Amino acid sequence: MTTGIGAFVGKIIGGISENVIAMCLSFAAGAMLYIVSVELIPESNGLYKGKLATMGTIIGFILGLIAVNI
């Protein structure tokens, strides 16, 4: 139900201007980066006790940056 409400509000707010959409998407991207950096990376390092999780994260960030610039 909350997803439907969020989609409805997003449709209304998105109709205002493209700048509003850009700000909302940048906020969502920042929130996702925070979740990955603070919650998932330390948890994966604690579970696997190795460098594989860290290397996977670094490679993922690099691939994401490359994909954005293509």
C-alpha atoms as a PDB file:
ATOM      1  CA  MET A   1       0.000   0.000   0.000  1.00  0.00           C
ATOM      2  CA  THR A   2       2.826   2.418   0.802  1.00  0.00           C
ATOM      3  CA  THR A   3       4.380   1.773  -2.609  1.00  0.00           C
ATOM      4  CA  GLY A   4       1.149   2.761  -4.315  1.00  0.00           C
ATOM      5  CA  ILE A   5       0.874   5.931  -2.235  1.00  0.00           C
ATOM      6  CA  GLY A   6       4.518   6.764  -2.982  1.00  0.00           C
ATOM      7  CA  ALA A   7       3.976   6.221  -6.699  1.00  0.00           C
ATOM      8  CA  PHE A   8       0.933   8.484  -6.626  1.00  0.00           C
ATOM      9  CA  VAL A   9       2.794  11.234  -4.770  1.00  0.00           C
ATOM     10  CA  GLY A  10       5.772  10.804  -7.111  1.00  0.00           C
ATOM     11  CA  LYS A  11       3.513  11.227 -10.131  1.00  0.00           C
ATOM     12  CA  ILE A  12       2.093  14.455  -8.712  1.00  0.00           C
ATOM     13  CA  ILE A  13       5.478  15.851  -7.678  1.00  0.00           C
ATOM     14  CA  GLY A  14       7.132  14.692 -10.908  1.00  0.00           C
ATOM     15  CA  GLY A  15       4.656  16.682 -12.935  1.00  0.00           C
ATOM     16  CA  ILE A  16       5.913  19.928 -11.426  1.00  0.00           C
ATOM     17  CA  SER A  17       9.279  20.053 -13.221  1.00  0.00           C
ATOM     18  CA  GLU A  18      12.254  17.986 -14.289  1.00  0.00           C
ATOM     19  CA  ASN A  19      14.381  19.613 -11.575  1.00  0.00           C
ATOM     20  CA  VAL A  20      12.113  18.184  -8.890  1.00  0.00           C
ATOM     21  CA  ILE A  21      12.481  14.716 -10.399  1.00  0.00           C
ATOM     22  CA  ALA A  22      16.270  15.125 -10.463  1.00  0.00           C
ATOM     23  CA  MET A  23      16.351  16.168  -6.801  1.00  0.00           C
ATOM     24  CA  CYS A  24      14.138  13.257  -5.744  1.00  0.00           C
ATOM     25  CA  LEU A  25      16.252  10.749  -7.657  1.00  0.00           C
ATOM     26  CA  SER A  26      19.480  12.159  -6.239  1.00  0.00           C
ATOM     27  CA  PHE A  27      18.038  11.873  -2.721  1.00  0.00           C
ATOM     28  CA  ALA A  28      17.074   8.244  -3.390  1.00  0.00           C
ATOM     29  CA  ALA A  29      20.542   7.478  -4.752  1.00  0.00           C
ATOM     30  CA  GLY A  30      22.190   9.052  -1.715  1.00  0.00           C
ATOM     31  CA  ALA A  31      19.966   7.051   0.620  1.00  0.00           C
ATOM     32  CA  MET A  32      20.884   3.834  -1.183  1.00  0.00           C
ATOM     33  CA  LEU A  33      24.600   4.645  -1.002  1.00  0.00           C
ATOM     34  CA  TYR A  34      24.229   5.249   2.735  1.00  0.00           C
ATOM     35  CA  ILE A  35      22.483   1.918   3.251  1.00  0.00           C
ATOM     36  CA  VAL A  36      25.119   0.043   1.271  1.00  0.00           C
ATOM     37  CA  SER A  37      28.052   1.809   2.909  1.00  0.00           C
ATOM     38  CA  VAL A  38      26.880   1.718   6.513  1.00  0.00           C
ATOM     39  CA  GLU A  39      24.824  -1.467   6.698  1.00  0.00           C
ATOM     40  CA  LEU A  40      25.674  -3.960   3.964  1.00  0.00           C
ATOM     41  CA  ILE A  41      29.445  -3.644   3.575  1.00  0.00           C
ATOM     42  CA  PRO A  42      30.285  -4.133   7.280  1.00  0.00           C
ATOM     43  CA  GLU A  43      27.781  -6.977   7.517  1.00  0.00           C
ATOM     44  CA  SER A  44      29.255  -8.785   4.517  1.00  0.00           C
ATOM     45  CA  ASN A  45      32.799  -8.324   5.856  1.00  0.00           C
ATOM     46  CA  GLY A  46      31.701  -9.744   9.202  1.00  0.00           C
ATOM     47  CA  LEU A  47      30.014 -12.758   7.622  1.00  0.00           C
ATOM     48  CA  TYR A  48      32.701 -13.759   5.145  1.00  0.00           C
ATOM     49  CA  LYS A  49      35.821 -12.495   6.964  1.00  0.00           C
ATOM     50  CA  GLY A  50      37.640 -11.787   3.749  1.00  0.00           C
ATOM     51  CA  LYS A  51      38.467  -9.335   1.044  1.00  0.00           C
ATOM     52  CA  LEU A  52      36.043 -10.775  -1.503  1.00  0.00           C
ATOM     53  CA  ALA A  53      33.086  -8.672  -0.332  1.00  0.00           C
ATOM     54  CA  THR A  54      35.160  -5.486  -0.315  1.00  0.00           C
ATOM     55  CA  MET A  55      36.602  -6.189  -3.749  1.00  0.00           C
ATOM     56  CA  GLY A  56      33.118  -6.924  -5.104  1.00  0.00           C
ATOM     57  CA  THR A  57      31.856  -3.631  -3.727  1.00  0.00           C
ATOM     58  CA  ILE A  58      34.741  -1.673  -5.241  1.00  0.00           C
ATOM     59  CA  ILE A  59      34.277  -3.350  -8.621  1.00  0.00           C
ATOM     60  CA  GLY A  60      30.545  -2.657  -8.458  1.00  0.00           C
ATOM     61  CA  PHE A  61      31.098   1.044  -7.776  1.00  0.00           C
ATOM     62  CA  ILE A  62      33.598   1.269 -10.637  1.00  0.00           C
ATOM     63  CA  LEU A  63      31.224  -0.483 -13.049  1.00  0.00           C
ATOM     64  CA  GLY A  64      28.421   1.817 -11.932  1.00  0.00           C
ATOM     65  CA  LEU A  65      30.528   4.887 -12.604  1.00  0.00           C
ATOM     66  CA  ILE A  66      31.523   3.558 -16.020  1.00  0.00           C
ATOM     67  CA  ALA A  67      27.890   2.777 -16.890  1.00  0.00           C
ATOM     68  CA  VAL A  68      26.806   6.308 -15.972  1.00  0.00           C
ATOM     69  CA  ASN A  69      29.430   7.839 -18.253  1.00  0.00           C
ATOM     70  CA  ILE A  70      28.600   5.716 -21.293  1.00  0.00           C
END
